[in-house]
Amino acid sequence: MQKRELLLKGALLPGGRRADILIAEGRVVHVGAGMMVEETVDCTGLLCLPGAVDMHVHMRGGKQAYKEDWRTGSMSALAGGVTTVVDQPNTVPPLTTAGVFAARVREAASACLCNFGVNAAVTPAADLEELWKAGALAFGETFASPSSYGDAVAMEDLRSLMDRIAALGAPMTVHAEEILPGDDDSLSAHDTLRPASGERKMVEKIGAMRPQSLSLHFCHLSSTASIDAARGSVEVTPHHLFLSRERFGPTDARGKVNPPLRTEHERKSLWSHWDSIDVIASDHAPHTLAEKSGDYSAAPPGIPGVETMMPLLVAEAYRGTITLESLLEKTVYAPARILGISAPGFRKGCRADFALYPKEASPIKAEHLHSKAGWTPYEGMDAAFPVIVFIGGNIAFQKEEYAARRGAWLPGHGYICSGDTYVHADTAHL
């Protein structure tokens, strides 16, 4: 059988160089010029970036499929240049046993159009060792304080759970907040009751408990003080970088999220810490507009964002605020390194997941997005959306059309194949 080859012709690389990218059997073979193959994609005028790894999404599904499911969530991911997503375990039911975890992977494998990993829940009752064998990519997000569909883990339990996860050699991610008593009846109250000072305090407390061998990752930090205090890798979301609570009306629950949106001053300060941020991840947490439009106190926290993450940041790079190289480090290479999976890229042998972006940005419109949520807090902001996305050298998305191919499951390093039907030989650590 002849080896299938694909050439991305004249791609603009992040450093400004134009080159041809030769792909065979899903991997990069050569980056250069002067190559001829039968199958060619003309990349003239398009920026070529490796597909992003969004290590923090909530794909819903199951009883929450009316908010989002694996198909619509992965459609959103691909349309935003994300080729790998990592689902969080605060599902309904939570992923605390190997059986429930396996069912979640089967659900994803039947519908997901991009590559995916699934994390395992961290609770005193969770069977951590069996979850690791079942293929958990990481443990967490671990709730040090309660949030949407996630119960808090007591500090005395957290210490022993960290020791067990460290013994497995697995990564652990943590949602660090402190919650104060009071009426959560507005965005400003939400900010006050889940203060940045409390986030910093919990980051310090958890960091002090960390076993030396544990790979500890802090999810969605919302303040510069928390970033400075972190003893582990640091994640920040686009909504904390691009949105502040002043952007919304006092009780507009579309801006309700945990940790809260902070002030405009704090939002701008986060950008000054760009070089101290390890990972940008979306914390894609879709809810319907009806759920967000009712009584503020009853509205669930969360913002849809997997589709807009890279387009917003690419547009920011076009403005010169950040470099494309630093953007790729935070959205491709660092997440892959933390999770222990191979990253797509331009070197020979790298996985050939790429997104081709136009050199112009355009305003975001909710009607053009693909999440079931049907709304976005970034309406009208400039973003550069990819026009073609490749997974493993195959076109996965082009001009609003999706390929029928399913994405690959990326299990963690503890995975022991049990012969389940959802396991395929080509899925482990692509």
Protein backbone atom coordinates (compact mmCIF):
# COMPACT_ATOMS: atom_id res chain seq x y z
CA MET A 1 0.00 0.00 0.00
CA GLN A 2 1.35 3.41 -0.96
CA LYS A 3 1.97 5.75 1.95
CA ARG A 4 -0.50 8.68 1.90
CA GLU A 5 1.24 12.04 1.79
CA LEU A 6 -0.17 15.54 2.21
CA LEU A 7 1.62 18.83 1.57
CA LEU A 8 0.67 22.09 3.25
CA LYS A 9 2.04 24.46 0.61
CA GLY A 10 3.43 27.87 1.50
CA ALA A 11 2.34 27.92 5.16
CA LEU A 12 3.28 30.99 7.20
CA LEU A 13 5.01 29.75 10.38
CA PRO A 14 4.99 31.62 13.70
CA GLY A 15 8.47 33.08 13.20
CA GLY A 16 7.52 34.63 9.86
CA ARG A 17 9.05 31.97 7.62
CA ARG A 18 7.05 30.49 4.77
CA ALA A 19 7.51 26.77 4.24
CA ASP A 20 5.95 23.60 2.90
CA ILE A 21 4.98 21.00 5.50
CA LEU A 22 5.10 17.40 4.33
CA ILE A 23 2.86 15.02 6.29
CA ALA A 24 2.73 11.23 6.06
CA GLU A 25 0.85 8.74 8.25
CA GLY A 26 -0.33 11.53 10.53
CA ARG A 27 3.15 12.86 11.31
CA VAL A 28 5.35 15.69 10.11
CA VAL A 29 8.00 14.35 7.75
CA HIS A 30 9.72 17.53 6.60
CA VAL A 31 9.38 21.30 6.79
CA GLY A 32 11.06 23.11 3.93
CA ALA A 33 10.55 23.74 0.22
CA GLY A 34 10.67 22.12 -3.16
CA MET A 35 8.53 19.06 -2.42
CA MET A 36 5.93 17.62 -4.79
CA VAL A 37 3.09 15.29 -3.79
CA GLU A 38 -0.32 14.55 -5.27
CA GLU A 39 -2.37 15.91 -2.37
CA THR A 40 -1.69 19.58 -1.64
CA VAL A 41 -3.42 22.28 0.41
CA ASP A 42 -2.64 25.85 -0.65
CA CYS A 43 -1.84 27.83 2.51
CA THR A 44 -1.08 31.14 0.82
CA GLY A 45 -1.94 34.02 3.14
CA LEU A 46 -2.69 31.72 6.10
CA LEU A 47 -0.87 31.42 9.42
CA CYS A 48 -0.17 27.81 10.37
CA LEU A 49 -0.20 26.94 14.09
CA PRO A 50 -0.15 23.55 15.83
CA GLY A 51 -3.54 22.49 17.14
CA ALA A 52 -4.17 23.72 20.68
CA VAL A 53 -4.47 21.45 23.73
CA ASP A 54 -7.27 22.79 25.93
CA MET A 55 -6.60 21.00 29.22
CA HIS A 56 -9.72 22.29 30.99
CA VAL A 57 -13.17 21.78 29.46
CA HIS A 58 -16.55 20.57 30.67
CA MET A 59 -18.16 18.76 27.75
CA ARG A 60 -21.39 18.03 29.66
CA GLY A 61 -23.29 15.23 27.90
CA GLY A 62 -25.37 12.61 29.68
CA LYS A 63 -28.09 14.27 31.75
CA GLN A 64 -26.57 17.65 30.86
CA ALA A 65 -26.64 17.09 27.09
CA TYR A 66 -29.16 19.90 26.68
CA LYS A 67 -26.27 22.30 27.57
CA GLU A 68 -23.60 20.58 25.45
CA ASP A 69 -22.58 17.13 24.27
CA TRP A 70 -19.36 15.62 22.97
CA ARG A 71 -20.28 16.24 19.35
CA THR A 72 -21.21 19.92 19.69
CA GLY A 73 -18.41 20.57 22.17
CA SER A 74 -15.81 19.05 19.84
CA MET A 75 -17.29 20.94 16.89
CA SER A 76 -16.70 24.11 18.88
CA ALA A 77 -13.17 23.04 19.70
CA LEU A 78 -12.22 22.34 16.08
CA ALA A 79 -13.80 25.57 14.83
CA GLY A 80 -11.56 27.37 17.33
CA GLY A 81 -8.31 25.61 16.41
CA VAL A 82 -8.34 23.21 19.39
CA THR A 83 -7.50 19.63 18.39
CA THR A 84 -7.26 18.08 21.88
CA VAL A 85 -9.61 18.65 24.84
CA VAL A 86 -9.38 17.36 28.39
CA ASP A 87 -12.71 16.82 30.11
CA GLN A 88 -13.15 17.47 33.83
CA PRO A 89 -14.71 14.86 36.13
CA ASN A 90 -17.42 16.87 37.94
CA THR A 91 -19.97 15.25 35.66
CA VAL A 92 -23.36 13.80 36.58
CA PRO A 93 -22.49 11.32 38.08
CA PRO A 94 -18.92 12.32 39.04
CA LEU A 95 -16.08 10.13 37.78
CA THR A 96 -15.13 8.42 41.04
CA THR A 97 -15.07 4.76 39.93
CA ALA A 98 -13.46 2.90 37.04
CA GLY A 99 -16.88 1.81 35.75
CA VAL A 100 -18.28 5.33 35.57
CA PHE A 101 -15.02 6.53 34.04
CA ALA A 102 -15.16 3.86 31.33
CA ALA A 103 -18.73 4.85 30.49
CA ARG A 104 -17.61 8.46 30.09
CA VAL A 105 -14.83 7.45 27.70
CA ARG A 106 -17.27 5.35 25.66
CA GLU A 107 -19.66 8.31 25.45
CA ALA A 108 -16.85 10.54 24.21
CA ALA A 109 -15.44 7.99 21.77
CA SER A 110 -18.82 7.61 20.08
CA ALA A 111 -19.18 11.30 19.22
CA CYS A 112 -16.04 13.40 19.78
CA LEU A 113 -14.54 14.84 16.58
CA CYS A 114 -11.22 15.87 18.14
CA ASN A 115 -8.69 14.09 20.34
CA PHE A 116 -9.70 13.88 23.98
CA GLY A 117 -8.57 12.93 27.45
CA VAL A 118 -10.70 12.49 30.56
CA ASN A 119 -9.64 13.36 34.11
CA ALA A 120 -10.69 11.48 37.25
CA ALA A 121 -12.44 12.95 40.26
CA VAL A 122 -10.61 13.47 43.55
CA THR A 123 -12.78 12.75 46.58
CA PRO A 124 -12.22 10.65 49.73
CA ALA A 125 -14.46 7.96 48.19
CA ALA A 126 -12.81 7.94 44.75
CA ASP A 127 -10.91 4.80 43.76
CA LEU A 128 -7.83 6.67 42.63
CA GLU A 129 -5.66 3.67 41.88
CA GLU A 130 -8.28 1.95 39.70
CA LEU A 131 -9.11 5.21 37.94
CA TRP A 132 -5.44 5.59 37.05
CA LYS A 133 -5.41 2.06 35.61
CA ALA A 134 -8.64 2.85 33.74
CA GLY A 135 -6.90 5.62 31.80
CA ALA A 136 -7.40 8.88 33.71
CA LEU A 137 -5.17 11.49 32.09
CA ALA A 138 -4.88 13.48 35.33
CA PHE A 139 -6.68 13.84 38.67
CA GLY A 140 -8.94 16.87 39.05
CA GLU A 141 -10.00 19.53 38.83
CA THR A 142 -9.92 18.90 42.57
CA PHE A 143 -12.28 21.21 44.44
CA ALA A 144 -10.69 22.83 47.45
CA SER A 145 -13.97 24.74 47.72
CA PRO A 146 -17.35 23.96 46.15
CA SER A 147 -18.22 25.02 42.62
CA SER A 148 -20.64 24.04 39.87
CA TYR A 149 -21.31 20.27 40.23
CA GLY A 150 -18.24 19.87 42.45
CA ASP A 151 -18.13 19.35 46.22
CA ALA A 152 -15.23 20.62 48.29
CA VAL A 153 -12.57 18.27 49.62
CA ALA A 154 -11.66 18.94 53.24
CA MET A 155 -8.07 19.99 53.86
CA GLU A 156 -7.35 16.96 56.06
CA ASP A 157 -8.53 14.66 53.27
CA LEU A 158 -6.72 16.61 50.58
CA ARG A 159 -3.32 15.96 52.13
CA SER A 160 -3.71 12.16 52.03
CA LEU A 161 -5.22 12.27 48.53
CA MET A 162 -2.22 14.27 47.30
CA ASP A 163 0.11 11.62 48.73
CA ARG A 164 -1.77 8.85 46.91
CA ILE A 165 -1.71 10.71 43.60
CA ALA A 166 1.99 11.49 44.00
CA ALA A 167 2.67 7.77 44.57
CA LEU A 168 1.00 7.02 41.23
CA GLY A 169 3.17 9.55 39.42
CA ALA A 170 0.05 11.28 38.09
CA PRO A 171 -0.62 15.00 37.59
CA MET A 172 -3.14 16.68 39.89
CA THR A 173 -5.13 19.85 39.13
CA VAL A 174 -6.73 22.01 41.80
CA HIS A 175 -9.55 24.56 41.95
CA ALA A 176 -8.40 26.87 44.76
CA GLU A 177 -10.88 29.31 46.28
CA GLU A 178 -12.06 30.49 49.67
CA ILE A 179 -15.79 31.20 50.04
CA LEU A 180 -17.11 33.72 52.54
CA PRO A 181 -20.68 33.83 53.92
CA GLY A 182 -23.15 36.29 52.43
CA ASP A 183 -25.80 36.83 49.79
CA ASP A 184 -24.52 36.02 46.31
CA ASP A 185 -26.94 38.33 44.50
CA SER A 186 -24.74 40.26 42.03
CA LEU A 187 -21.44 40.09 40.19
CA SER A 188 -19.82 42.41 42.71
CA ALA A 189 -21.11 40.27 45.60
CA HIS A 190 -19.82 37.15 43.84
CA ASP A 191 -16.39 38.78 43.60
CA THR A 192 -16.53 39.77 47.28
CA LEU A 193 -17.65 36.34 48.52
CA ARG A 194 -14.98 34.50 46.48
CA PRO A 195 -12.23 37.09 46.89
CA ALA A 196 -8.86 37.16 45.18
CA SER A 197 -7.25 37.28 48.63
CA GLY A 198 -8.96 34.00 49.53
CA GLU A 199 -7.83 32.42 46.27
CA ARG A 200 -4.24 33.41 47.08
CA LYS A 201 -4.59 32.04 50.61
CA MET A 202 -5.80 28.65 49.34
CA VAL A 203 -3.05 28.53 46.71
CA GLU A 204 -0.48 29.09 49.45
CA LYS A 205 -2.07 26.51 51.76
CA ILE A 206 -2.28 23.82 49.11
CA GLY A 207 1.20 24.55 47.81
CA ALA A 208 2.60 24.12 51.32
CA MET A 209 0.94 20.67 51.55
CA ARG A 210 2.29 19.50 48.20
CA PRO A 211 4.42 16.35 48.28
CA GLN A 212 7.72 17.09 46.60
CA SER A 213 7.15 14.51 43.86
CA LEU A 214 3.63 15.66 42.96
CA SER A 215 2.98 17.41 39.65
CA LEU A 216 0.55 20.08 40.91
CA HIS A 217 -1.38 22.37 38.57
CA PHE A 218 -3.55 25.30 39.67
CA CYS A 219 -6.64 25.82 37.53
CA HIS A 220 -8.00 29.21 36.38
CA LEU A 221 -6.17 31.59 38.73
CA SER A 222 -7.78 35.00 38.57
CA SER A 223 -5.34 37.35 40.28
CA THR A 224 -1.68 38.30 40.06
CA ALA A 225 -1.19 37.62 43.78
CA SER A 226 -2.32 34.02 43.30
CA ILE A 227 0.03 33.55 40.35
CA ASP A 228 2.93 34.86 42.41
CA ALA A 229 2.05 32.54 45.31
CA ALA A 230 1.66 29.34 43.28
CA ARG A 231 4.01 26.41 43.88
CA GLY A 232 3.11 24.45 40.79
CA SER A 233 2.06 25.20 37.23
CA VAL A 234 -0.41 28.03 36.69
CA GLU A 235 -3.45 28.20 34.41
CA VAL A 236 -5.37 31.36 33.45
CA THR A 237 -8.54 31.53 31.36
CA PRO A 238 -9.40 33.85 28.47
CA HIS A 239 -12.39 35.17 30.41
CA HIS A 240 -10.16 36.43 33.20
CA LEU A 241 -7.84 38.00 30.62
CA PHE A 242 -10.51 39.58 28.40
CA LEU A 243 -13.51 40.19 30.68
CA SER A 244 -14.11 42.10 33.90
CA ARG A 245 -17.28 42.36 35.95
CA GLU A 246 -17.64 45.99 34.89
CA ARG A 247 -18.37 44.77 31.36
CA PHE A 248 -21.73 43.37 32.53
CA GLY A 249 -24.78 44.73 34.28
CA PRO A 250 -24.79 44.23 38.07
CA THR A 251 -26.96 41.08 37.92
CA ASP A 252 -26.12 39.81 34.42
CA ALA A 253 -25.38 36.15 35.13
CA ARG A 254 -23.65 35.72 31.78
CA GLY A 255 -20.64 37.07 33.66
CA LYS A 256 -21.06 34.67 36.59
CA VAL A 257 -18.19 32.19 36.82
CA ASN A 258 -15.95 30.59 39.45
CA PRO A 259 -13.50 32.10 40.26
CA PRO A 260 -15.36 35.38 39.67
CA LEU A 261 -14.56 37.95 37.06
CA ARG A 262 -12.49 40.60 38.82
CA THR A 263 -12.24 44.35 38.36
CA GLU A 264 -10.93 45.94 35.18
CA HIS A 265 -7.78 46.87 37.08
CA GLU A 266 -7.12 43.24 38.04
CA ARG A 267 -7.90 42.07 34.51
CA LYS A 268 -5.27 44.37 33.06
CA SER A 269 -2.80 43.32 35.75
CA LEU A 270 -3.09 39.69 34.62
CA TRP A 271 -1.66 40.66 31.24
CA SER A 272 1.39 42.09 33.01
CA HIS A 273 2.00 38.58 34.37
CA TRP A 274 1.79 36.91 30.96
CA ASP A 275 5.31 35.50 31.24
CA SER A 276 4.47 33.91 34.63
CA ILE A 277 1.45 32.03 33.26
CA ASP A 278 2.18 28.43 32.25
CA VAL A 279 -1.11 27.50 30.57
CA ILE A 280 -4.08 29.20 28.99
CA ALA A 281 -7.16 26.95 29.09
CA SER A 282 -10.78 27.82 28.39
CA ASP A 283 -12.63 26.26 31.35
CA HIS A 284 -15.39 25.80 28.76
CA ALA A 285 -18.48 25.47 30.98
CA PRO A 286 -21.61 25.93 28.85
CA HIS A 287 -25.04 26.69 30.28
CA THR A 288 -28.11 27.66 28.30
CA LEU A 289 -29.08 31.29 27.94
CA ALA A 290 -32.33 30.49 29.77
CA GLU A 291 -30.33 29.26 32.78
CA LYS A 292 -28.21 32.40 32.68
CA SER A 293 -31.18 34.76 32.22
CA GLY A 294 -33.19 33.94 35.33
CA ASP A 295 -32.66 34.98 38.94
CA TYR A 296 -28.99 35.81 39.45
CA SER A 297 -28.62 33.86 42.69
CA ALA A 298 -29.96 30.70 41.07
CA ALA A 299 -27.99 31.01 37.83
CA PRO A 300 -25.16 28.47 37.44
CA PRO A 301 -21.59 29.76 37.13
CA GLY A 302 -19.73 29.08 33.91
CA ILE A 303 -18.86 30.51 30.49
CA PRO A 304 -18.60 28.79 27.08
CA GLY A 305 -15.13 29.40 25.65
CA VAL A 306 -13.38 26.53 23.86
CA GLU A 307 -14.21 27.96 20.42
CA THR A 308 -13.16 31.54 21.14
CA MET A 309 -9.97 30.91 23.16
CA MET A 310 -7.42 30.65 20.35
CA PRO A 311 -9.10 33.15 17.99
CA LEU A 312 -9.09 35.83 20.72
CA LEU A 313 -5.45 35.15 21.56
CA VAL A 314 -4.30 34.97 17.94
CA ALA A 315 -5.93 38.37 17.38
CA GLU A 316 -4.05 39.64 20.43
CA ALA A 317 -0.80 38.37 18.92
CA TYR A 318 -1.62 40.22 15.70
CA ARG A 319 -1.92 43.40 17.80
CA GLY A 320 1.57 42.75 19.16
CA THR A 321 0.51 42.35 22.80
CA ILE A 322 1.95 38.82 22.96
CA THR A 323 4.17 36.73 20.72
CA LEU A 324 2.92 33.72 18.81
CA GLU A 325 5.76 31.69 20.30
CA SER A 326 4.62 32.45 23.86
CA LEU A 327 1.02 31.72 22.89
CA LEU A 328 1.96 28.28 21.56
CA GLU A 329 3.96 27.52 24.69
CA LYS A 330 0.88 28.18 26.85
CA THR A 331 -1.76 26.52 24.65
CA VAL A 332 0.12 23.62 23.04
CA TYR A 333 3.48 22.67 24.51
CA ALA A 334 3.06 23.30 28.25
CA PRO A 335 -0.35 21.58 28.53
CA ALA A 336 0.99 18.54 26.67
CA ARG A 337 4.08 18.45 28.87
CA ILE A 338 2.07 18.68 32.10
CA LEU A 339 -0.30 15.93 30.96
CA GLY A 340 2.43 13.68 29.57
CA ILE A 341 1.10 13.56 26.01
CA SER A 342 2.93 14.33 22.78
CA ALA A 343 2.37 17.79 21.36
CA PRO A 344 1.73 18.62 17.72
CA GLY A 345 4.39 20.76 16.13
CA PHE A 346 6.71 21.46 13.22
CA ARG A 347 9.54 19.07 14.04
CA LYS A 348 9.94 15.77 12.21
CA GLY A 349 7.84 13.09 13.86
CA CYS A 350 5.43 15.51 15.56
CA ARG A 351 1.72 14.81 15.38
CA ALA A 352 0.31 16.64 12.37
CA ASP A 353 -2.47 18.60 14.08
CA PHE A 354 -2.59 22.10 12.59
CA ALA A 355 -4.92 25.07 12.24
CA LEU A 356 -4.72 27.62 9.43
CA TYR A 357 -5.68 31.16 10.45
CA PRO A 358 -6.42 34.21 8.28
CA LYS A 359 -4.28 37.27 8.88
CA GLU A 360 -7.32 39.41 9.66
CA ALA A 361 -9.54 39.36 12.72
CA SER A 362 -13.30 39.86 12.64
CA PRO A 363 -15.99 40.46 15.31
CA ILE A 364 -17.27 37.42 17.21
CA LYS A 365 -20.94 36.65 16.64
CA ALA A 366 -22.76 34.05 18.72
CA GLU A 367 -24.79 32.95 15.69
CA HIS A 368 -21.59 31.72 14.04
CA LEU A 369 -20.48 29.59 17.02
CA HIS A 370 -21.20 25.90 17.51
CA SER A 371 -21.83 25.32 21.22
CA LYS A 372 -25.33 24.38 22.33
CA ALA A 373 -25.08 27.25 24.80
CA GLY A 374 -26.03 29.59 21.94
CA TRP A 375 -24.39 32.68 23.44
CA THR A 376 -20.96 34.13 24.15
CA PRO A 377 -19.71 36.84 26.52
CA TYR A 378 -17.24 37.90 23.82
CA GLU A 379 -19.87 39.17 21.37
CA GLY A 380 -18.34 41.82 19.11
CA MET A 381 -14.72 41.31 20.18
CA ASP A 382 -12.14 40.82 17.43
CA ALA A 383 -10.93 37.27 16.84
CA ALA A 384 -9.19 35.29 14.10
CA PHE A 385 -10.96 31.96 13.53
CA PRO A 386 -9.20 29.16 11.62
CA VAL A 387 -10.45 28.29 8.16
CA ILE A 388 -8.99 24.77 8.00
CA VAL A 389 -8.07 22.42 10.87
CA PHE A 390 -6.16 19.15 10.51
CA ILE A 391 -5.95 16.21 12.89
CA GLY A 392 -3.32 13.60 12.13
CA GLY A 393 -2.82 15.04 8.66
CA ASN A 394 -6.51 14.78 7.79
CA ILE A 395 -8.85 17.73 7.30
CA ALA A 396 -11.17 17.74 10.33
CA PHE A 397 -12.82 21.12 9.73
CA GLN A 398 -13.06 23.36 6.67
CA LYS A 399 -15.53 26.10 5.83
CA GLU A 400 -18.19 24.95 8.31
CA GLU A 401 -17.87 21.32 7.24
CA TYR A 402 -16.66 18.56 9.52
CA ALA A 403 -15.08 15.23 8.63
CA ALA A 404 -16.84 12.09 9.83
CA ARG A 405 -13.69 10.82 11.59
CA ARG A 406 -13.73 10.45 15.37
CA GLY A 407 -10.91 11.81 17.50
CA ALA A 408 -8.55 9.60 19.48
CA TRP A 409 -8.72 8.91 23.19
CA LEU A 410 -5.54 9.87 25.06
CA PRO A 411 -5.30 7.77 28.25
CA GLY A 412 -2.88 8.56 31.07
CA HIS A 413 0.35 6.69 31.72
CA GLY A 414 -1.25 4.40 34.29
CA TYR A 415 -3.60 2.89 31.72
CA ILE A 416 -3.86 -0.88 31.64
CA CYS A 417 -5.83 -2.11 28.61
CA SER A 418 -8.78 -4.22 29.69
CA GLY A 419 -9.96 -5.13 26.21
CA ASP A 420 -12.93 -2.77 26.33
CA THR A 421 -14.50 -1.98 22.98
CA TYR A 422 -13.71 1.73 23.17
CA VAL A 423 -9.96 1.12 23.22
CA HIS A 424 -8.14 1.26 19.89
CA ALA A 425 -4.50 0.53 19.20
CA ASP A 426 -3.95 4.00 17.75
CA THR A 427 -5.30 5.96 20.72
CA ALA A 428 -2.63 5.70 23.38
CA HIS A 429 -0.35 8.75 23.60
CA LEU A 430 -0.47 9.80 19.97
